[in-house]
Amino acid sequence: ENYHRGMGRYLHRRAIAGIVPDLVTWKQDKGMGPPHEETKHMPQLDLDSLHPALAETIDLEKLRYQLNSLETPGSKPEHSQLLSHRSIRTVKQLDDWMKHQLCEENL
């Protein structure tokens, strides 16, 4: 029941048939397409001005590689690019938060 007629999750699909639209129920994979909004607005990240505590914690060379690979389209598979976007966005958010906390502590 898990794999039938070349389709995985067959039992689950049969259970939701008639409840969930057929285009969703019988879709071949779970993917919903790339999260376009996430990749449209890449935050600018200056590695030289990262908060010192953050710069000590993360792998700067890996982050630098991710930044450089995103500047050359097609250098990495789409999935890897999405992961790089997510990593860069997370580091940017942490950096902004840490700098904001530092400013508040100095007031």
PDB file of N, CA and C in Angstrom:
ATOM      1  N   GLU A   1       0.801  -1.205   0.000  1.00  0.00           N
ATOM      2  CA  GLU A   1       0.000   0.000   0.000  1.00  0.00           C
ATOM      3  C   GLU A   1       0.847   1.276   0.000  1.00  0.00           C
ATOM      4  N   ASN A   2       2.093   1.197   0.475  1.00  0.00           N
ATOM      5  CA  ASN A   2       2.916   2.399   0.502  1.00  0.00           C
ATOM      6  C   ASN A   2       3.394   2.774  -0.898  1.00  0.00           C
ATOM      7  N   TYR A   3       3.630   1.771  -1.741  1.00  0.00           N
ATOM      8  CA  TYR A   3       4.106   2.043  -3.090  1.00  0.00           C
ATOM      9  C   TYR A   3       3.254   1.231  -4.055  1.00  0.00           C
ATOM     10  N   HIS A   4       2.524   1.919  -4.905  1.00  0.00           N
ATOM     11  CA  HIS A   4       1.613   1.233  -5.819  1.00  0.00           C
ATOM     12  C   HIS A   4       1.558   1.996  -7.133  1.00  0.00           C
ATOM     13  N   ARG A   5       1.615   1.275  -8.215  1.00  0.00           N
ATOM     14  CA  ARG A   5       1.538   1.864  -9.550  1.00  0.00           C
ATOM     15  C   ARG A   5       2.571   2.968  -9.765  1.00  0.00           C
ATOM     16  N   GLY A   6       3.763   2.736  -9.239  1.00  0.00           N
ATOM     17  CA  GLY A   6       4.854   3.677  -9.436  1.00  0.00           C
ATOM     18  C   GLY A   6       4.744   4.951  -8.612  1.00  0.00           C
ATOM     19  N   MET A   7       3.863   4.943  -7.624  1.00  0.00           N
ATOM     20  CA  MET A   7       3.654   6.147  -6.833  1.00  0.00           C
ATOM     21  C   MET A   7       3.842   5.844  -5.353  1.00  0.00           C
ATOM     22  N   GLY A   8       4.684   6.636  -4.691  1.00  0.00           N
ATOM     23  CA  GLY A   8       4.905   6.483  -3.257  1.00  0.00           C
ATOM     24  C   GLY A   8       3.790   7.113  -2.454  1.00  0.00           C
ATOM     25  N   ARG A   9       3.752   6.799  -1.148  1.00  0.00           N
ATOM     26  CA  ARG A   9       2.749   7.326  -0.213  1.00  0.00           C
ATOM     27  C   ARG A   9       1.324   7.055  -0.711  1.00  0.00           C
ATOM     28  N   TYR A  10       1.155   5.912  -1.335  1.00  0.00           N
ATOM     29  CA  TYR A  10      -0.115   5.605  -1.977  1.00  0.00           C
ATOM     30  C   TYR A  10      -1.270   5.527  -0.983  1.00  0.00           C
ATOM     31  N   LEU A  11      -1.044   4.899   0.165  1.00  0.00           N
ATOM     32  CA  LEU A  11      -2.099   4.776   1.173  1.00  0.00           C
ATOM     33  C   LEU A  11      -2.537   6.165   1.659  1.00  0.00           C
ATOM     34  N   HIS A  12      -1.569   7.021   1.887  1.00  0.00           N
ATOM     35  CA  HIS A  12      -1.879   8.392   2.308  1.00  0.00           C
ATOM     36  C   HIS A  12      -2.664   9.119   1.227  1.00  0.00           C
ATOM     37  N   ARG A  13      -2.244   8.959   0.000  1.00  0.00           N
ATOM     38  CA  ARG A  13      -2.933   9.627  -1.114  1.00  0.00           C
ATOM     39  C   ARG A  13      -4.393   9.171  -1.223  1.00  0.00           C
ATOM     40  N   ARG A  14      -4.594   7.868  -1.059  1.00  0.00           N
ATOM     41  CA  ARG A  14      -5.969   7.351  -1.125  1.00  0.00           C
ATOM     42  C   ARG A  14      -6.808   7.897   0.031  1.00  0.00           C
ATOM     43  N   ALA A  15      -6.200   8.069   1.189  1.00  0.00           N
ATOM     44  CA  ALA A  15      -6.933   8.551   2.360  1.00  0.00           C
ATOM     45  C   ALA A  15      -7.388  10.001   2.186  1.00  0.00           C
ATOM     46  N   ILE A  16      -6.588  10.811   1.479  1.00  0.00           N
ATOM     47  CA  ILE A  16      -6.955  12.230   1.326  1.00  0.00           C
ATOM     48  C   ILE A  16      -7.685  12.513   0.017  1.00  0.00           C
ATOM     49  N   ALA A  17      -7.822  11.496  -0.837  1.00  0.00           N
ATOM     50  CA  ALA A  17      -8.532  11.672  -2.107  1.00  0.00           C
ATOM     51  C   ALA A  17      -9.970  12.116  -1.833  1.00  0.00           C
ATOM     52  N   GLY A  18     -10.404  13.139  -2.549  1.00  0.00           N
ATOM     53  CA  GLY A  18     -11.748  13.673  -2.368  1.00  0.00           C
ATOM     54  C   GLY A  18     -11.816  14.764  -1.318  1.00  0.00           C
ATOM     55  N   ILE A  19     -10.794  14.855  -0.490  1.00  0.00           N
ATOM     56  CA  ILE A  19     -10.736  15.895   0.536  1.00  0.00           C
ATOM     57  C   ILE A  19      -9.800  17.008   0.073  1.00  0.00           C
ATOM     58  N   VAL A  20      -8.644  16.580  -0.411  1.00  0.00           N
ATOM     59  CA  VAL A  20      -7.633  17.497  -0.925  1.00  0.00           C
ATOM     60  C   VAL A  20      -7.745  17.477  -2.450  1.00  0.00           C
ATOM     61  N   PRO A  21      -7.563  18.621  -3.118  1.00  0.00           N
ATOM     62  CA  PRO A  21      -7.657  18.634  -4.582  1.00  0.00           C
ATOM     63  C   PRO A  21      -6.734  17.584  -5.235  1.00  0.00           C
ATOM     64  N   ASP A  22      -7.213  17.011  -6.330  1.00  0.00           N
ATOM     65  CA  ASP A  22      -6.457  15.959  -7.016  1.00  0.00           C
ATOM     66  C   ASP A  22      -5.059  16.407  -7.461  1.00  0.00           C
ATOM     67  N   LEU A  23      -4.933  17.673  -7.846  1.00  0.00           N
ATOM     68  CA  LEU A  23      -3.616  18.157  -8.266  1.00  0.00           C
ATOM     69  C   LEU A  23      -2.599  18.059  -7.130  1.00  0.00           C
ATOM     70  N   VAL A  24      -3.064  18.183  -5.916  1.00  0.00           N
ATOM     71  CA  VAL A  24      -2.180  18.060  -4.756  1.00  0.00           C
ATOM     72  C   VAL A  24      -2.050  16.595  -4.359  1.00  0.00           C
ATOM     73  N   THR A  25      -3.153  15.900  -4.305  1.00  0.00           N
ATOM     74  CA  THR A  25      -3.155  14.501  -3.865  1.00  0.00           C
ATOM     75  C   THR A  25      -2.249  13.623  -4.716  1.00  0.00           C
ATOM     76  N   TRP A  26      -2.308  13.773  -6.015  1.00  0.00           N
ATOM     77  CA  TRP A  26      -1.592  12.866  -6.917  1.00  0.00           C
ATOM     78  C   TRP A  26      -0.324  13.477  -7.505  1.00  0.00           C
ATOM     79  N   LYS A  27       0.132  14.546  -6.913  1.00  0.00           N
ATOM     80  CA  LYS A  27       1.383  15.171  -7.336  1.00  0.00           C
ATOM     81  C   LYS A  27       2.544  14.208  -7.068  1.00  0.00           C
ATOM     82  N   GLN A  28       3.514  14.177  -7.960  1.00  0.00           N
ATOM     83  CA  GLN A  28       4.607  13.206  -7.854  1.00  0.00           C
ATOM     84  C   GLN A  28       5.539  13.439  -6.669  1.00  0.00           C
ATOM     85  N   ASP A  29       5.743  14.681  -6.264  1.00  0.00           N
ATOM     86  CA  ASP A  29       6.672  14.936  -5.158  1.00  0.00           C
ATOM     87  C   ASP A  29       6.042  15.881  -4.144  1.00  0.00           C
ATOM     88  N   LYS A  30       6.737  16.092  -3.041  1.00  0.00           N
ATOM     89  CA  LYS A  30       6.226  16.958  -1.982  1.00  0.00           C
ATOM     90  C   LYS A  30       6.597  18.419  -2.192  1.00  0.00           C
ATOM     91  N   GLY A  31       7.498  18.682  -3.122  1.00  0.00           N
ATOM     92  CA  GLY A  31       7.989  20.043  -3.332  1.00  0.00           C
ATOM     93  C   GLY A  31       6.895  21.005  -3.739  1.00  0.00           C
ATOM     94  N   MET A  32       7.056  22.246  -3.302  1.00  0.00           N
ATOM     95  CA  MET A  32       6.077  23.277  -3.650  1.00  0.00           C
ATOM     96  C   MET A  32       6.730  24.362  -4.491  1.00  0.00           C
ATOM     97  N   GLY A  33       7.883  24.056  -5.066  1.00  0.00           N
ATOM     98  CA  GLY A  33       8.597  25.042  -5.856  1.00  0.00           C
ATOM     99  C   GLY A  33       9.529  25.855  -4.981  1.00  0.00           C
ATOM    100  N   PRO A  34      10.422  26.602  -5.610  1.00  0.00           N
ATOM    101  CA  PRO A  34      11.374  27.384  -4.822  1.00  0.00           C
ATOM    102  C   PRO A  34      10.689  28.542  -4.099  1.00  0.00           C
ATOM    103  N   PRO A  35      11.148  28.865  -2.910  1.00  0.00           N
ATOM    104  CA  PRO A  35      10.567  30.004  -2.193  1.00  0.00           C
ATOM    105  C   PRO A  35      11.086  31.302  -2.789  1.00  0.00           C
ATOM    106  N   HIS A  36      10.416  31.801  -3.817  1.00  0.00           N
ATOM    107  CA  HIS A  36      10.897  32.948  -4.583  1.00  0.00           C
ATOM    108  C   HIS A  36      11.094  34.190  -3.732  1.00  0.00           C
ATOM    109  N   GLU A  37      10.216  34.417  -2.786  1.00  0.00           N
ATOM    110  CA  GLU A  37      10.345  35.612  -1.947  1.00  0.00           C
ATOM    111  C   GLU A  37      11.650  35.593  -1.170  1.00  0.00           C
ATOM    112  N   GLU A  38      12.079  34.396  -0.758  1.00  0.00           N
ATOM    113  CA  GLU A  38      13.298  34.289   0.037  1.00  0.00           C
ATOM    114  C   GLU A  38      14.525  34.678  -0.777  1.00  0.00           C
ATOM    115  N   THR A  39      14.505  34.405  -2.062  1.00  0.00           N
ATOM    116  CA  THR A  39      15.692  34.653  -2.873  1.00  0.00           C
ATOM    117  C   THR A  39      15.685  36.022  -3.551  1.00  0.00           C
ATOM    118  N   LYS A  40      14.567  36.725  -3.541  1.00  0.00           N
ATOM    119  CA  LYS A  40      14.503  38.018  -4.228  1.00  0.00           C
ATOM    120  C   LYS A  40      15.365  39.077  -3.555  1.00  0.00           C
ATOM    121  N   HIS A  41      15.281  39.148  -2.247  1.00  0.00           N
ATOM    122  CA  HIS A  41      15.923  40.225  -1.515  1.00  0.00           C
ATOM    123  C   HIS A  41      17.069  39.686  -0.666  1.00  0.00           C
ATOM    124  N   MET A  42      18.215  39.542  -1.281  1.00  0.00           N
ATOM    125  CA  MET A  42      19.371  39.040  -0.549  1.00  0.00           C
ATOM    126  C   MET A  42      19.956  40.176   0.285  1.00  0.00           C
ATOM    127  N   PRO A  43      20.046  39.967   1.602  1.00  0.00           N
ATOM    128  CA  PRO A  43      20.613  41.028   2.427  1.00  0.00           C
ATOM    129  C   PRO A  43      22.099  41.214   2.138  1.00  0.00           C
ATOM    130  N   GLN A  44      22.549  42.445   2.231  1.00  0.00           N
ATOM    131  CA  GLN A  44      23.966  42.734   2.044  1.00  0.00           C
ATOM    132  C   GLN A  44      24.686  42.409   3.344  1.00  0.00           C
ATOM    133  N   LEU A  45      25.703  41.586   3.234  1.00  0.00           N
ATOM    134  CA  LEU A  45      26.446  41.134   4.401  1.00  0.00           C
ATOM    135  C   LEU A  45      27.914  41.457   4.211  1.00  0.00           C
ATOM    136  N   ASP A  46      28.438  42.303   5.078  1.00  0.00           N
ATOM    137  CA  ASP A  46      29.847  42.666   5.039  1.00  0.00           C
ATOM    138  C   ASP A  46      30.587  41.823   6.077  1.00  0.00           C
ATOM    139  N   LEU A  47      31.352  40.861   5.604  1.00  0.00           N
ATOM    140  CA  LEU A  47      32.029  39.946   6.517  1.00  0.00           C
ATOM    141  C   LEU A  47      33.058  40.648   7.397  1.00  0.00           C
ATOM    142  N   ASP A  48      33.599  41.755   6.931  1.00  0.00           N
ATOM    143  CA  ASP A  48      34.613  42.473   7.704  1.00  0.00           C
ATOM    144  C   ASP A  48      34.012  43.242   8.874  1.00  0.00           C
ATOM    145  N   SER A  49      32.711  43.482   8.843  1.00  0.00           N
ATOM    146  CA  SER A  49      32.101  44.265   9.921  1.00  0.00           C
ATOM    147  C   SER A  49      31.153  43.427  10.786  1.00  0.00           C
ATOM    148  N   LEU A  50      31.290  42.107  10.740  1.00  0.00           N
ATOM    149  CA  LEU A  50      30.450  41.259  11.583  1.00  0.00           C
ATOM    150  C   LEU A  50      30.741  41.521  13.053  1.00  0.00           C
ATOM    151  N   HIS A  51      29.729  41.308  13.874  1.00  0.00           N
ATOM    152  CA  HIS A  51      29.928  41.422  15.310  1.00  0.00           C
ATOM    153  C   HIS A  51      31.048  40.454  15.708  1.00  0.00           C
ATOM    154  N   PRO A  52      31.996  40.879  16.543  1.00  0.00           N
ATOM    155  CA  PRO A  52      33.149  40.032  16.875  1.00  0.00           C
ATOM    156  C   PRO A  52      32.785  38.651  17.428  1.00  0.00           C
ATOM    157  N   ALA A  53      31.774  38.585  18.275  1.00  0.00           N
ATOM    158  CA  ALA A  53      31.378  37.295  18.838  1.00  0.00           C
ATOM    159  C   ALA A  53      30.842  36.363  17.750  1.00  0.00           C
ATOM    160  N   LEU A  54      30.155  36.921  16.773  1.00  0.00           N
ATOM    161  CA  LEU A  54      29.622  36.128  15.671  1.00  0.00           C
ATOM    162  C   LEU A  54      30.749  35.686  14.740  1.00  0.00           C
ATOM    163  N   ALA A  55      31.681  36.588  14.480  1.00  0.00           N
ATOM    164  CA  ALA A  55      32.801  36.272  13.599  1.00  0.00           C
ATOM    165  C   ALA A  55      33.662  35.153  14.169  1.00  0.00           C
ATOM    166  N   GLU A  56      33.754  35.065  15.486  1.00  0.00           N
ATOM    167  CA  GLU A  56      34.527  34.000  16.123  1.00  0.00           C
ATOM    168  C   GLU A  56      33.815  32.658  16.043  1.00  0.00           C
ATOM    169  N   THR A  57      32.494  32.701  15.944  1.00  0.00           N
ATOM    170  CA  THR A  57      31.686  31.492  16.036  1.00  0.00           C
ATOM    171  C   THR A  57      31.470  30.786  14.701  1.00  0.00           C
ATOM    172  N   ILE A  58      31.284  31.544  13.641  1.00  0.00           N
ATOM    173  CA  ILE A  58      30.915  30.934  12.362  1.00  0.00           C
ATOM    174  C   ILE A  58      32.150  30.651  11.510  1.00  0.00           C
ATOM    175  N   ASP A  59      31.965  29.823  10.516  1.00  0.00           N
ATOM    176  CA  ASP A  59      33.018  29.488   9.561  1.00  0.00           C
ATOM    177  C   ASP A  59      33.010  30.565   8.467  1.00  0.00           C
ATOM    178  N   LEU A  60      33.884  31.541   8.619  1.00  0.00           N
ATOM    179  CA  LEU A  60      33.901  32.676   7.685  1.00  0.00           C
ATOM    180  C   LEU A  60      34.263  32.254   6.265  1.00  0.00           C
ATOM    181  N   GLU A  61      35.146  31.273   6.134  1.00  0.00           N
ATOM    182  CA  GLU A  61      35.529  30.829   4.792  1.00  0.00           C
ATOM    183  C   GLU A  61      34.356  30.181   4.064  1.00  0.00           C
ATOM    184  N   LYS A  62      33.583  29.390   4.783  1.00  0.00           N
ATOM    185  CA  LYS A  62      32.411  28.763   4.167  1.00  0.00           C
ATOM    186  C   LYS A  62      31.386  29.828   3.777  1.00  0.00           C
ATOM    187  N   LEU A  63      31.185  30.795   4.668  1.00  0.00           N
ATOM    188  CA  LEU A  63      30.243  31.868   4.359  1.00  0.00           C
ATOM    189  C   LEU A  63      30.725  32.694   3.173  1.00  0.00           C
ATOM    190  N   ARG A  64      32.007  32.965   3.107  1.00  0.00           N
ATOM    191  CA  ARG A  64      32.582  33.699   1.980  1.00  0.00           C
ATOM    192  C   ARG A  64      32.373  32.913   0.676  1.00  0.00           C
ATOM    193  N   TYR A  65      32.563  31.592   0.735  1.00  0.00           N
ATOM    194  CA  TYR A  65      32.336  30.735  -0.433  1.00  0.00           C
ATOM    195  C   TYR A  65      30.878  30.817  -0.873  1.00  0.00           C
ATOM    196  N   GLN A  66      29.952  30.769   0.097  1.00  0.00           N
ATOM    197  CA  GLN A  66      28.529  30.852  -0.236  1.00  0.00           C
ATOM    198  C   GLN A  66      28.194  32.189  -0.893  1.00  0.00           C
ATOM    199  N   LEU A  67      28.729  33.260  -0.353  1.00  0.00           N
ATOM    200  CA  LEU A  67      28.482  34.584  -0.936  1.00  0.00           C
ATOM    201  C   LEU A  67      29.022  34.670  -2.361  1.00  0.00           C
ATOM    202  N   ASN A  68      30.235  34.185  -2.562  1.00  0.00           N
ATOM    203  CA  ASN A  68      30.849  34.234  -3.896  1.00  0.00           C
ATOM    204  C   ASN A  68      30.113  33.356  -4.898  1.00  0.00           C
ATOM    205  N   SER A  69      29.659  32.192  -4.460  1.00  0.00           N
ATOM    206  CA  SER A  69      28.973  31.292  -5.386  1.00  0.00           C
ATOM    207  C   SER A  69      27.614  31.841  -5.808  1.00  0.00           C
ATOM    208  N   LEU A  70      26.990  32.635  -4.956  1.00  0.00           N
ATOM    209  CA  LEU A  70      25.699  33.228  -5.325  1.00  0.00           C
ATOM    210  C   LEU A  70      25.866  34.366  -6.316  1.00  0.00           C
ATOM    211  N   GLU A  71      27.058  34.943  -6.358  1.00  0.00           N
ATOM    212  CA  GLU A  71      27.310  36.029  -7.309  1.00  0.00           C
ATOM    213  C   GLU A  71      27.518  35.501  -8.721  1.00  0.00           C
ATOM    214  N   THR A  72      27.826  34.209  -8.859  1.00  0.00           N
ATOM    215  CA  THR A  72      28.005  33.600 -10.176  1.00  0.00           C
ATOM    216  C   THR A  72      26.861  32.622 -10.417  1.00  0.00           C
ATOM    217  N   PRO A  73      25.820  33.056 -11.116  1.00  0.00           N
ATOM    218  CA  PRO A  73      24.648  32.213 -11.351  1.00  0.00           C
ATOM    219  C   PRO A  73      25.019  30.902 -12.043  1.00  0.00           C
ATOM    220  N   GLY A  74      24.340  29.839 -11.619  1.00  0.00           N
ATOM    221  CA  GLY A  74      24.558  28.534 -12.223  1.00  0.00           C
ATOM    222  C   GLY A  74      25.772  27.804 -11.693  1.00  0.00           C
ATOM    223  N   SER A  75      26.480  28.382 -10.729  1.00  0.00           N
ATOM    224  CA  SER A  75      27.672  27.723 -10.210  1.00  0.00           C
ATOM    225  C   SER A  75      27.328  26.602  -9.244  1.00  0.00           C
ATOM    226  N   LYS A  76      26.124  26.638  -8.704  1.00  0.00           N
ATOM    227  CA  LYS A  76      25.680  25.622  -7.762  1.00  0.00           C
ATOM    228  C   LYS A  76      24.265  25.188  -8.130  1.00  0.00           C
ATOM    229  N   PRO A  77      23.871  23.959  -7.760  1.00  0.00           N
ATOM    230  CA  PRO A  77      22.484  23.551  -7.982  1.00  0.00           C
ATOM    231  C   PRO A  77      21.521  24.461  -7.227  1.00  0.00           C
ATOM    232  N   GLU A  78      20.295  24.543  -7.709  1.00  0.00           N
ATOM    233  CA  GLU A  78      19.307  25.464  -7.137  1.00  0.00           C
ATOM    234  C   GLU A  78      19.089  25.209  -5.647  1.00  0.00           C
ATOM    235  N   HIS A  79      19.028  23.933  -5.254  1.00  0.00           N
ATOM    236  CA  HIS A  79      18.816  23.603  -3.844  1.00  0.00           C
ATOM    237  C   HIS A  79      19.952  24.155  -2.987  1.00  0.00           C
ATOM    238  N   SER A  80      21.180  24.031  -3.457  1.00  0.00           N
ATOM    239  CA  SER A  80      22.331  24.549  -2.715  1.00  0.00           C
ATOM    240  C   SER A  80      22.280  26.062  -2.620  1.00  0.00           C
ATOM    241  N   GLN A  81      21.823  26.708  -3.668  1.00  0.00           N
ATOM    242  CA  GLN A  81      21.700  28.164  -3.636  1.00  0.00           C
ATOM    243  C   GLN A  81      20.668  28.599  -2.602  1.00  0.00           C
ATOM    244  N   LEU A  82      19.565  27.871  -2.506  1.00  0.00           N
ATOM    245  CA  LEU A  82      18.549  28.209  -1.511  1.00  0.00           C
ATOM    246  C   LEU A  82      19.098  28.048  -0.098  1.00  0.00           C
ATOM    247  N   LEU A  83      19.879  26.997   0.128  1.00  0.00           N
ATOM    248  CA  LEU A  83      20.484  26.803   1.440  1.00  0.00           C
ATOM    249  C   LEU A  83      21.478  27.911   1.753  1.00  0.00           C
ATOM    250  N   SER A  84      22.231  28.337   0.736  1.00  0.00           N
ATOM    251  CA  SER A  84      23.179  29.431   0.929  1.00  0.00           C
ATOM    252  C   SER A  84      22.445  30.723   1.266  1.00  0.00           C
ATOM    253  N   HIS A  85      21.359  31.000   0.564  1.00  0.00           N
ATOM    254  CA  HIS A  85      20.545  32.189   0.858  1.00  0.00           C
ATOM    255  C   HIS A  85      20.078  32.159   2.307  1.00  0.00           C
ATOM    256  N   ARG A  86      19.592  31.005   2.729  1.00  0.00           N
ATOM    257  CA  ARG A  86      19.083  30.880   4.091  1.00  0.00           C
ATOM    258  C   ARG A  86      20.201  31.114   5.111  1.00  0.00           C
ATOM    259  N   SER A  87      21.374  30.538   4.864  1.00  0.00           N
ATOM    260  CA  SER A  87      22.504  30.720   5.779  1.00  0.00           C
ATOM    261  C   SER A  87      22.906  32.185   5.879  1.00  0.00           C
ATOM    262  N   ILE A  88      22.999  32.828   4.745  1.00  0.00           N
ATOM    263  CA  ILE A  88      23.418  34.233   4.716  1.00  0.00           C
ATOM    264  C   ILE A  88      22.383  35.108   5.412  1.00  0.00           C
ATOM    265  N   ARG A  89      21.112  34.855   5.149  1.00  0.00           N
ATOM    266  CA  ARG A  89      20.049  35.627   5.789  1.00  0.00           C
ATOM    267  C   ARG A  89      20.095  35.439   7.308  1.00  0.00           C
ATOM    268  N   THR A  90      20.325  34.219   7.771  1.00  0.00           N
ATOM    269  CA  THR A  90      20.391  33.940   9.205  1.00  0.00           C
ATOM    270  C   THR A  90      21.562  34.663   9.853  1.00  0.00           C
ATOM    271  N   VAL A  91      22.722  34.615   9.214  1.00  0.00           N
ATOM    272  CA  VAL A  91      23.894  35.306   9.749  1.00  0.00           C
ATOM    273  C   VAL A  91      23.641  36.812   9.805  1.00  0.00           C
ATOM    274  N   LYS A  92      23.018  37.354   8.772  1.00  0.00           N
ATOM    275  CA  LYS A  92      22.708  38.788   8.741  1.00  0.00           C
ATOM    276  C   LYS A  92      21.775  39.163   9.889  1.00  0.00           C
ATOM    277  N   GLN A  93      20.750  38.348  10.127  1.00  0.00           N
ATOM    278  CA  GLN A  93      19.816  38.625  11.208  1.00  0.00           C
ATOM    279  C   GLN A  93      20.510  38.553  12.566  1.00  0.00           C
ATOM    280  N   LEU A  94      21.345  37.553  12.760  1.00  0.00           N
ATOM    281  CA  LEU A  94      22.100  37.440  14.013  1.00  0.00           C
ATOM    282  C   LEU A  94      23.027  38.627  14.210  1.00  0.00           C
ATOM    283  N   ASP A  95      23.708  39.012  13.149  1.00  0.00           N
ATOM    284  CA  ASP A  95      24.626  40.136  13.215  1.00  0.00           C
ATOM    285  C   ASP A  95      23.883  41.422  13.595  1.00  0.00           C
ATOM    286  N   ASP A  96      22.766  41.671  12.947  1.00  0.00           N
ATOM    287  CA  ASP A  96      21.970  42.863  13.255  1.00  0.00           C
ATOM    288  C   ASP A  96      21.493  42.838  14.706  1.00  0.00           C
ATOM    289  N   TRP A  97      21.009  41.669  15.160  1.00  0.00           N
ATOM    290  CA  TRP A  97      20.513  41.546  16.524  1.00  0.00           C
ATOM    291  C   TRP A  97      21.632  41.784  17.535  1.00  0.00           C
ATOM    292  N   MET A  98      22.798  41.165  17.296  1.00  0.00           N
ATOM    293  CA  MET A  98      23.918  41.315  18.225  1.00  0.00           C
ATOM    294  C   MET A  98      24.395  42.768  18.285  1.00  0.00           C
ATOM    295  N   LYS A  99      24.451  43.426  17.149  1.00  0.00           N
ATOM    296  CA  LYS A  99      24.860  44.834  17.130  1.00  0.00           C
ATOM    297  C   LYS A  99      23.836  45.711  17.839  1.00  0.00           C
ATOM    298  N   HIS A 100      22.561  45.401  17.674  1.00  0.00           N
ATOM    299  CA  HIS A 100      21.502  46.150  18.344  1.00  0.00           C
ATOM    300  C   HIS A 100      21.602  45.959  19.867  1.00  0.00           C
ATOM    301  N   GLN A 101      21.831  44.725  20.303  1.00  0.00           N
ATOM    302  CA  GLN A 101      21.971  44.432  21.730  1.00  0.00           C
ATOM    303  C   GLN A 101      23.165  45.192  22.313  1.00  0.00           C
ATOM    304  N   LEU A 102      24.253  45.237  21.564  1.00  0.00           N
ATOM    305  CA  LEU A 102      25.453  45.937  22.018  1.00  0.00           C
ATOM    306  C   LEU A 102      25.171  47.426  22.177  1.00  0.00           C
ATOM    307  N   CYS A 103      24.442  48.011  21.240  1.00  0.00           N
ATOM    308  CA  CYS A 103      24.098  49.445  21.322  1.00  0.00           C
ATOM    309  C   CYS A 103      23.239  49.725  22.547  1.00  0.00           C
ATOM    310  N   GLU A 104      22.262  48.863  22.829  1.00  0.00           N
ATOM    311  CA  GLU A 104      21.384  49.053  23.979  1.00  0.00           C
ATOM    312  C   GLU A 104      22.158  48.924  25.290  1.00  0.00           C
ATOM    313  N   GLU A 105      23.136  48.010  25.348  1.00  0.00           N
ATOM    314  CA  GLU A 105      23.916  47.828  26.564  1.00  0.00           C
ATOM    315  C   GLU A 105      24.797  49.036  26.841  1.00  0.00           C
ATOM    316  N   ASN A 106      25.216  49.745  25.797  1.00  0.00           N
ATOM    317  CA  ASN A 106      26.078  50.907  25.969  1.00  0.00           C
ATOM    318  C   ASN A 106      25.317  52.178  26.312  1.00  0.00           C
ATOM    319  N   LEU A 107      23.979  52.131  26.243  1.00  0.00           N
ATOM    320  CA  LEU A 107      23.183  53.335  26.542  1.00  0.00           C
ATOM    321  C   LEU A 107      23.094  53.601  28.030  1.00  0.00           C
TER     322      LEU A 107
END
